[in-house]
Amino acid sequence: MNPFECKPQKADRIFTSWNKVLVKPYNKNEVDPYTRLRVILMNGTEFESVRFSNAFTRHCANNDVRRRLAVMRRGEQIQQKRVASLKPSNESILEHTIGYEQLAVDLTANLAVTEKNSYVKKQLDFALLEDFDHLYRYSDLMELEKGGDPKKLVGDYTEIMPGRPTVAEYRHPHDDVNFSINCYLNDLKTKLNINIITAAEQQTMNYYMNVGNLYASPLGRKLYNEIAMIEEQHVTGYGSLKDPMISWWEALLMNEYTECYLYYSCYMDEKDERIKKIWEMHFEEEVAHLHEAADLLKTYEGKVWQQVFPEGGAFPELLKFRSQKEYVREILKSVRLTAVEEGWEELDKVPDTFRYFGYNSKINGKVQSVGTHLVIDKAISAFKYDYRVQNKEHPVKALSDRRKDNTDLARVKGK
């Protein structure tokens, strides 16, 4: 499939009445977990498109361009509201959160297994273990507060058990900045992966920042606020991979291409026939946005889309949500890594004076009092064991004890 070869529909065809925008939600008790993840993913993708378009408008003095951007942006808003309306009102903040973290785990893993750029793959693998741990801690909160069934939410696709302990994830900001990736020296799949994961993590960070003060229990409020800070670290890391040398016009074209790619991927992978039709409709609408972005690039920068897509514009391997339990288990063996400037190193190999230790200690304070530890400690006190969903023993011996939360691993040298 090459979206540049598709005939675009008229731009104003997307504008429609509310009864065609606010569609019937899925049934949270019947929906396939991966359908839920696609809804979260595409909601975040639309948020990123609107965010970028507004930023572009604020850096552009030409009102003719700004009007054309406004038309595209209004279309993205309609799509975002249609996707968001698929979420049922009886799906709680915490149930929604389990979906966010399952998306973070399985999206990251599925991108990583196909990633050709070793540096980008290392960043994906590194953050994967942290989102994996977040899923575990939110699941224990759900079990503790009887807010639902985490296993039913994730299905048979994803295990729930500790990753890199959240208390170990707080790193000095200097060490969350990565090298940027030259888009002209990397293949299309790498460029797509960076765009996709940055938008997904940006949405997760925004969501936790917004709901952290709305959660009912004090323990939940602590957990959301603490993990929101880690999500900011992930957004910094992933966002810094983007090529800062491309123009606004090129970035706009790439964003629209990413949306086309994702909607087509969702369409091809979706099991729910009603929602599948929505993905198809949105793909067709995004083709119109893509052609508009290509025309803007040609008019105002004098470039044709083929210069941005020398591969020809055909989609690379589509994104398919597939269970990656064994891949995650293999990556868990690198749980003791920490970030060191633009790279990663085993914690035991960094100097005792490295800034990680002072920063982590300052942020956590007394580790036994932070929410990400307390939620596990309280779950163990209530049920004798923490909450897990795992097919076999944890691959990291230090994380196998279900009667104790390990707060030293990857945070204290020699542990």
Protein backbone atom coordinates (compact mmCIF):
# COMPACT_ATOMS: atom_id res chain seq x y z
CA MET A 1 0.00 0.00 0.00
CA ASN A 2 1.32 3.42 -1.01
CA PRO A 3 -0.85 6.27 0.31
CA PHE A 4 0.74 8.73 -2.12
CA GLU A 5 -0.81 6.72 -4.95
CA CYS A 6 -4.30 6.78 -3.41
CA LYS A 7 -6.76 9.32 -4.77
CA PRO A 8 -7.53 11.76 -1.92
CA GLN A 9 -11.08 12.69 -1.02
CA LYS A 10 -12.16 16.32 -0.77
CA ALA A 11 -10.76 17.94 2.36
CA ASP A 12 -14.12 19.13 3.72
CA ARG A 13 -15.72 15.68 3.49
CA ILE A 14 -14.42 14.96 6.98
CA PHE A 15 -16.66 17.63 8.52
CA THR A 16 -19.85 16.02 9.79
CA SER A 17 -22.51 16.19 12.50
CA TRP A 18 -21.96 15.09 16.07
CA ASN A 19 -24.08 11.96 15.71
CA LYS A 20 -21.44 10.63 13.30
CA VAL A 21 -18.57 11.68 15.53
CA LEU A 22 -19.63 10.45 18.96
CA VAL A 23 -20.00 6.78 18.13
CA LYS A 24 -21.11 3.87 20.30
CA PRO A 25 -18.42 2.80 22.81
CA TYR A 26 -17.11 -0.75 22.94
CA ASN A 27 -18.25 -3.07 25.71
CA LYS A 28 -15.40 -3.14 28.23
CA ASN A 29 -16.33 -6.66 29.32
CA GLU A 30 -16.23 -8.07 25.80
CA VAL A 31 -13.64 -6.04 23.91
CA ASP A 32 -10.43 -7.74 22.82
CA PRO A 33 -7.51 -6.22 24.80
CA TYR A 34 -5.67 -5.36 21.59
CA THR A 35 -8.69 -3.48 20.25
CA ARG A 36 -8.54 -1.42 23.44
CA LEU A 37 -4.85 -0.78 22.79
CA ARG A 38 -5.49 0.37 19.22
CA VAL A 39 -8.04 2.87 20.52
CA ILE A 40 -5.52 4.25 23.02
CA LEU A 41 -2.76 4.31 20.39
CA MET A 42 -4.80 6.21 17.81
CA ASN A 43 -6.13 8.65 20.38
CA GLY A 44 -2.53 9.48 21.27
CA THR A 45 -1.54 9.72 17.62
CA GLU A 46 -4.28 12.28 17.00
CA PHE A 47 -3.23 14.26 20.08
CA GLU A 48 0.32 14.39 18.74
CA SER A 49 -0.90 15.58 15.33
CA VAL A 50 -2.93 18.39 16.87
CA ARG A 51 -0.07 19.36 19.20
CA PHE A 52 2.38 19.55 16.29
CA SER A 53 -0.02 21.50 14.06
CA ASN A 54 -0.61 24.11 16.75
CA ALA A 55 3.12 24.46 17.34
CA PHE A 56 3.69 24.85 13.58
CA THR A 57 0.99 27.54 13.40
CA ARG A 58 2.65 29.51 16.21
CA HIS A 59 5.92 29.47 14.28
CA CYS A 60 4.40 30.52 10.96
CA ALA A 61 3.64 34.10 9.90
CA ASN A 62 1.77 33.22 6.70
CA ASN A 63 -1.97 33.24 7.36
CA ASP A 64 -2.73 31.37 4.14
CA VAL A 65 -0.66 28.49 5.47
CA ARG A 66 -2.19 28.82 8.91
CA ARG A 67 -5.67 28.53 7.43
CA ARG A 68 -4.74 25.35 5.60
CA LEU A 69 -3.23 23.95 8.78
CA ALA A 70 -6.42 24.90 10.65
CA VAL A 71 -8.54 22.87 8.23
CA MET A 72 -6.30 19.83 8.65
CA ARG A 73 -6.22 20.30 12.41
CA ARG A 74 -10.00 20.49 12.64
CA GLY A 75 -10.17 17.18 10.82
CA GLU A 76 -7.70 15.64 13.25
CA GLN A 77 -9.85 16.93 16.13
CA ILE A 78 -12.91 15.20 14.68
CA GLN A 79 -10.99 11.96 14.34
CA GLN A 80 -9.65 12.22 17.88
CA LYS A 81 -13.13 12.73 19.30
CA ARG A 82 -14.50 9.77 17.36
CA VAL A 83 -11.68 7.53 18.61
CA ALA A 84 -12.05 8.83 22.18
CA SER A 85 -15.81 8.17 22.12
CA LEU A 86 -15.07 4.46 21.68
CA LYS A 87 -13.96 4.39 25.34
CA PRO A 88 -16.96 3.57 27.56
CA SER A 89 -17.86 5.83 30.47
CA ASN A 90 -17.88 2.89 32.89
CA GLU A 91 -14.20 2.21 32.24
CA SER A 92 -12.46 3.65 35.29
CA ILE A 93 -9.29 5.74 35.40
CA LEU A 94 -7.39 2.72 36.70
CA GLU A 95 -8.81 0.32 34.09
CA HIS A 96 -7.88 2.86 31.43
CA THR A 97 -4.39 3.03 32.95
CA ILE A 98 -3.87 -0.74 32.71
CA GLY A 99 -4.58 -0.33 28.99
CA TYR A 100 -2.04 2.49 28.73
CA GLU A 101 0.69 0.39 30.33
CA GLN A 102 -0.15 -2.75 28.37
CA LEU A 103 0.09 -0.59 25.25
CA ALA A 104 3.46 0.74 26.42
CA VAL A 105 4.75 -2.81 26.90
CA ASP A 106 3.38 -4.54 23.83
CA LEU A 107 3.75 -1.61 21.43
CA THR A 108 7.36 -1.08 22.50
CA ALA A 109 8.16 -4.79 22.23
CA ASN A 110 6.53 -5.12 18.80
CA LEU A 111 8.43 -2.09 17.53
CA ALA A 112 11.71 -3.32 19.02
CA VAL A 113 11.62 -6.78 17.44
CA THR A 114 11.49 -5.21 13.96
CA GLU A 115 13.85 -2.27 14.60
CA LYS A 116 17.00 -2.30 12.46
CA ASN A 117 18.78 0.63 14.10
CA SER A 118 20.62 -0.84 17.10
CA TYR A 119 20.69 2.47 18.98
CA VAL A 120 16.94 3.02 18.65
CA LYS A 121 16.32 -0.59 19.65
CA LYS A 122 18.40 -0.15 22.81
CA GLN A 123 16.28 2.84 23.83
CA LEU A 124 13.10 0.85 23.18
CA ASP A 125 14.36 -2.10 25.20
CA PHE A 126 15.56 0.13 28.04
CA ALA A 127 12.24 1.93 28.50
CA LEU A 128 10.27 -1.29 27.94
CA LEU A 129 11.43 -2.68 31.29
CA GLU A 130 10.23 0.43 33.07
CA ASP A 131 6.76 0.44 31.53
CA PHE A 132 6.59 -3.28 32.33
CA ASP A 133 7.18 -2.46 35.99
CA HIS A 134 4.51 0.28 35.88
CA LEU A 135 1.95 -2.24 34.63
CA TYR A 136 2.80 -4.45 37.62
CA ARG A 137 2.41 -1.65 40.17
CA TYR A 138 -0.87 -0.33 38.78
CA SER A 139 -2.18 -3.92 38.69
CA ASP A 140 -1.36 -4.35 42.37
CA LEU A 141 -3.19 -1.10 43.11
CA MET A 142 -6.23 -2.48 41.25
CA GLU A 143 -6.11 -5.73 43.21
CA LEU A 144 -5.61 -3.88 46.50
CA GLU A 145 -8.51 -1.49 45.93
CA LYS A 146 -10.74 -4.08 44.22
CA GLY A 147 -10.99 -1.84 41.19
CA GLY A 148 -11.23 -4.60 38.58
CA ASP A 149 -9.40 -7.63 37.24
CA PRO A 150 -6.00 -6.85 35.63
CA LYS A 151 -5.76 -10.32 34.08
CA LYS A 152 -9.08 -9.91 32.32
CA LEU A 153 -7.96 -6.54 30.99
CA VAL A 154 -4.67 -7.76 29.50
CA GLY A 155 -5.98 -11.17 28.40
CA ASP A 156 -3.43 -13.84 27.55
CA TYR A 157 -1.21 -11.38 25.71
CA THR A 158 0.89 -9.83 28.48
CA GLU A 159 2.45 -11.04 31.72
CA ILE A 160 2.30 -8.90 34.85
CA MET A 161 5.38 -9.01 37.09
CA PRO A 162 8.19 -6.67 38.18
CA GLY A 163 10.56 -5.00 35.72
CA ARG A 164 13.22 -2.44 36.56
CA PRO A 165 11.87 -1.22 39.93
CA THR A 166 10.28 2.19 39.56
CA VAL A 167 12.33 3.55 42.45
CA ALA A 168 15.44 2.77 40.38
CA GLU A 169 14.18 4.60 37.30
CA TYR A 170 14.74 8.17 38.50
CA ARG A 171 17.81 9.41 36.62
CA HIS A 172 19.39 12.82 36.34
CA PRO A 173 17.82 14.69 33.38
CA HIS A 174 21.20 14.84 31.61
CA ASP A 175 21.06 11.07 31.18
CA ASP A 176 17.66 10.92 29.49
CA VAL A 177 18.83 12.82 26.39
CA ASN A 178 19.74 10.61 23.44
CA PHE A 179 21.53 11.17 20.15
CA SER A 180 19.21 12.35 17.39
CA ILE A 181 18.78 10.02 14.44
CA ASN A 182 19.54 11.32 10.95
CA CYS A 183 16.36 10.47 9.09
CA TYR A 184 18.11 10.34 5.72
CA LEU A 185 20.53 7.67 6.95
CA ASN A 186 17.87 5.38 8.40
CA ASP A 187 15.10 3.37 6.85
CA LEU A 188 11.42 4.30 6.88
CA LYS A 189 10.49 1.81 9.60
CA THR A 190 12.93 3.43 12.02
CA LYS A 191 11.48 6.88 11.34
CA LEU A 192 7.97 5.53 11.86
CA ASN A 193 8.93 3.74 15.08
CA ILE A 194 10.36 6.94 16.57
CA ASN A 195 7.26 8.92 15.62
CA ILE A 196 4.90 6.26 16.95
CA ILE A 197 6.56 5.64 20.32
CA THR A 198 7.11 9.34 21.02
CA ALA A 199 3.42 10.10 20.48
CA ALA A 200 2.34 7.12 22.59
CA GLU A 201 4.58 8.05 25.54
CA GLN A 202 3.62 11.72 25.25
CA GLN A 203 -0.03 10.75 25.62
CA THR A 204 0.71 8.55 28.64
CA MET A 205 2.64 11.33 30.36
CA ASN A 206 -0.16 13.84 29.69
CA TYR A 207 -2.82 11.44 30.95
CA TYR A 208 -1.04 10.74 34.23
CA MET A 209 -0.31 14.43 34.76
CA ASN A 210 -4.01 15.19 34.29
CA VAL A 211 -5.52 12.39 36.38
CA GLY A 212 -2.90 12.21 39.14
CA ASN A 213 -4.80 14.71 41.29
CA LEU A 214 -8.21 13.19 40.42
CA TYR A 215 -7.59 9.68 41.71
CA ALA A 216 -9.60 8.96 44.84
CA SER A 217 -7.10 7.30 47.19
CA PRO A 218 -3.94 8.96 48.53
CA LEU A 219 -1.91 5.89 47.56
CA GLY A 220 -3.19 6.06 43.99
CA ARG A 221 -2.42 9.78 43.79
CA LYS A 222 1.16 9.10 44.87
CA LEU A 223 1.51 6.31 42.32
CA TYR A 224 0.21 8.37 39.39
CA ASN A 225 2.37 11.37 40.17
CA GLU A 226 5.52 9.31 40.63
CA ILE A 227 5.07 7.32 37.43
CA ALA A 228 4.13 10.47 35.50
CA MET A 229 7.66 11.72 36.20
CA ILE A 230 9.15 8.57 34.67
CA GLU A 231 6.95 9.00 31.61
CA GLU A 232 8.42 12.49 31.21
CA GLN A 233 11.86 10.87 31.17
CA HIS A 234 10.67 8.52 28.43
CA VAL A 235 9.26 11.39 26.36
CA THR A 236 12.60 13.18 26.68
CA GLY A 237 14.48 10.08 25.56
CA TYR A 238 12.27 9.16 22.65
CA GLY A 239 11.69 12.74 21.53
CA SER A 240 15.41 13.44 21.39
CA LEU A 241 15.78 10.63 18.83
CA LYS A 242 13.87 12.72 16.28
CA ASP A 243 15.93 14.46 13.61
CA PRO A 244 16.00 18.19 14.55
CA MET A 245 17.40 19.17 11.15
CA ILE A 246 14.29 18.43 9.08
CA SER A 247 11.98 21.34 8.27
CA TRP A 248 8.49 21.96 9.64
CA TRP A 249 7.10 21.01 6.23
CA GLU A 250 8.97 17.70 6.19
CA ALA A 251 7.90 16.94 9.75
CA LEU A 252 4.27 17.68 8.86
CA LEU A 253 4.45 15.30 5.92
CA MET A 254 6.04 12.59 8.08
CA ASN A 255 3.39 13.02 10.77
CA GLU A 256 0.58 12.60 8.25
CA TYR A 257 2.31 9.58 6.74
CA THR A 258 2.62 8.06 10.22
CA GLU A 259 -1.11 8.46 10.75
CA CYS A 260 -1.85 6.83 7.40
CA TYR A 261 0.46 3.96 8.29
CA LEU A 262 -1.08 3.42 11.71
CA TYR A 263 -4.71 3.62 10.60
CA TYR A 264 -4.02 1.17 7.78
CA SER A 265 -2.19 -1.11 10.22
CA CYS A 266 -5.14 -0.96 12.61
CA TYR A 267 -7.56 -1.64 9.76
CA MET A 268 -5.64 -4.72 8.64
CA ASP A 269 -5.21 -6.06 12.19
CA GLU A 270 -8.61 -5.26 13.74
CA LYS A 271 -11.06 -8.06 14.69
CA ASP A 272 -14.04 -5.88 15.59
CA GLU A 273 -15.83 -5.22 12.28
CA ARG A 274 -17.53 -2.03 13.45
CA ILE A 275 -14.30 -0.48 14.68
CA LYS A 276 -12.46 -1.80 11.63
CA LYS A 277 -14.71 0.43 9.49
CA ILE A 278 -13.70 3.45 11.57
CA TRP A 279 -10.01 2.69 11.01
CA GLU A 280 -10.69 2.41 7.27
CA MET A 281 -12.59 5.72 7.18
CA HIS A 282 -9.85 7.49 9.10
CA PHE A 283 -7.20 6.06 6.81
CA GLU A 284 -9.00 7.54 3.81
CA GLU A 285 -9.28 10.90 5.57
CA GLU A 286 -5.59 10.85 6.46
CA VAL A 287 -4.69 10.21 2.82
CA ALA A 288 -6.28 13.59 2.07
CA HIS A 289 -4.21 15.19 4.83
CA LEU A 290 -1.08 13.54 3.48
CA HIS A 291 -1.63 14.93 -0.01
CA GLU A 292 -2.31 18.37 1.45
CA ALA A 293 0.96 18.19 3.40
CA ALA A 294 2.78 17.15 0.22
CA ASP A 295 1.35 20.15 -1.61
CA LEU A 296 2.42 22.49 1.21
CA LEU A 297 5.93 21.04 1.07
CA LYS A 298 6.13 21.60 -2.68
CA THR A 299 4.61 25.09 -2.59
CA TYR A 300 6.56 26.57 0.30
CA GLU A 301 9.80 24.60 0.34
CA GLY A 302 10.14 23.57 -3.28
CA LYS A 303 10.47 19.88 -2.47
CA VAL A 304 8.49 16.93 -3.74
CA TRP A 305 7.42 14.16 -1.39
CA GLN A 306 9.82 11.72 -3.06
CA GLN A 307 12.72 13.68 -1.56
CA VAL A 308 11.40 12.92 1.91
CA PHE A 309 10.50 9.34 1.00
CA PRO A 310 13.27 8.13 -1.31
CA GLU A 311 12.07 4.58 -0.68
CA GLY A 312 9.02 5.38 -2.79
CA GLY A 313 6.34 5.84 -0.13
CA ALA A 314 5.01 2.27 0.09
CA PHE A 315 4.32 1.19 3.65
CA PRO A 316 6.99 -0.99 5.27
CA GLU A 317 5.95 -3.98 7.36
CA LEU A 318 2.69 -3.05 9.07
CA LEU A 319 2.36 -2.76 12.84
CA LYS A 320 0.67 -5.85 14.24
CA PHE A 321 -0.08 -6.36 17.90
CA ARG A 322 1.28 -9.76 18.83
CA SER A 323 2.06 -11.17 22.26
CA GLN A 324 5.77 -10.75 23.02
CA LYS A 325 6.06 -12.54 26.36
CA GLU A 326 9.29 -14.36 25.53
CA TYR A 327 10.90 -11.26 24.07
CA VAL A 328 10.11 -9.28 27.22
CA ARG A 329 11.49 -12.09 29.36
CA GLU A 330 14.75 -11.99 27.41
CA ILE A 331 15.07 -8.21 27.73
CA LEU A 332 14.40 -8.43 31.47
CA LYS A 333 17.88 -9.90 31.83
CA SER A 334 19.23 -6.36 31.20
CA VAL A 335 17.27 -4.93 34.12
CA ARG A 336 20.43 -3.67 35.88
CA LEU A 337 21.24 -1.16 33.13
CA THR A 338 21.10 2.56 33.80
CA ALA A 339 21.46 5.50 31.41
CA VAL A 340 24.80 7.31 31.16
CA GLU A 341 24.55 10.42 28.97
CA GLU A 342 23.65 9.10 25.48
CA GLY A 343 24.33 5.47 26.34
CA TRP A 344 23.60 2.72 28.86
CA GLU A 345 25.77 0.89 31.37
CA GLU A 346 25.47 -1.72 34.10
CA LEU A 347 24.92 0.10 37.39
CA ASP A 348 27.81 -1.75 39.05
CA LYS A 349 30.21 -0.37 36.42
CA VAL A 350 29.49 3.34 36.91
CA PRO A 351 31.59 5.37 39.40
CA ASP A 352 30.30 5.77 42.95
CA THR A 353 30.33 9.52 42.35
CA PHE A 354 28.06 9.32 39.28
CA ARG A 355 25.20 11.81 39.41
CA TYR A 356 22.57 9.05 39.26
CA PHE A 357 23.04 8.13 42.90
CA GLY A 358 22.67 11.63 44.31
CA TYR A 359 19.69 12.48 42.11
CA ASN A 360 17.87 9.19 42.75
CA SER A 361 18.37 9.51 46.50
CA LYS A 362 17.10 13.10 46.50
CA ILE A 363 13.97 12.30 44.48
CA ASN A 364 13.01 9.15 46.39
CA GLY A 365 13.89 10.39 49.84
CA LYS A 366 13.05 7.50 52.16
CA VAL A 367 12.38 4.73 49.63
CA GLN A 368 10.04 2.86 52.00
CA SER A 369 7.59 5.77 51.91
CA VAL A 370 7.22 6.28 48.14
CA GLY A 371 3.99 5.22 46.47
CA THR A 372 5.50 2.86 43.92
CA HIS A 373 6.92 0.76 46.74
CA LEU A 374 4.03 1.21 49.18
CA VAL A 375 1.49 -0.21 46.76
CA ILE A 376 3.40 -3.50 46.60
CA ASP A 377 4.16 -3.51 50.32
CA LYS A 378 0.48 -3.01 51.16
CA ALA A 379 -0.61 -5.68 48.67
CA ILE A 380 1.78 -8.19 50.26
CA SER A 381 0.55 -7.23 53.74
CA ALA A 382 -3.07 -7.75 52.65
CA PHE A 383 -2.71 -10.93 50.58
CA LYS A 384 0.67 -12.39 51.68
CA TYR A 385 1.85 -12.17 48.04
CA ASP A 386 2.00 -9.46 45.41
CA TYR A 387 -0.30 -9.60 42.38
CA ARG A 388 1.23 -11.19 39.29
CA VAL A 389 0.18 -12.85 36.06
CA GLN A 390 3.09 -14.97 34.86
CA ASN A 391 3.40 -18.22 32.96
CA LYS A 392 6.53 -19.39 34.75
CA GLU A 393 9.22 -18.23 37.19
CA HIS A 394 10.52 -14.69 36.80
CA PRO A 395 13.69 -14.72 34.61
CA VAL A 396 15.51 -12.49 37.12
CA LYS A 397 16.08 -14.31 40.41
CA ALA A 398 16.26 -11.05 42.38
CA LEU A 399 12.67 -10.28 41.31
CA SER A 400 11.19 -13.74 41.87
CA ASP A 401 10.22 -13.34 45.55
CA ARG A 402 6.51 -12.51 45.70
CA ARG A 403 6.67 -11.68 49.41
CA LYS A 404 9.07 -8.76 49.13
CA ASP A 405 9.41 -5.72 46.88
CA ASN A 406 13.02 -5.35 45.76
CA THR A 407 13.90 -1.66 46.06
CA ASP A 408 17.68 -2.15 45.66
CA LEU A 409 17.97 -3.81 42.25
CA ALA A 410 19.32 -1.43 39.57
CA ARG A 411 19.50 1.30 42.23
CA VAL A 412 22.13 0.11 44.69
CA LYS A 413 25.46 -1.22 43.49
CA GLY A 414 26.13 -4.88 44.13
CA LYS A 415 22.43 -5.82 44.30
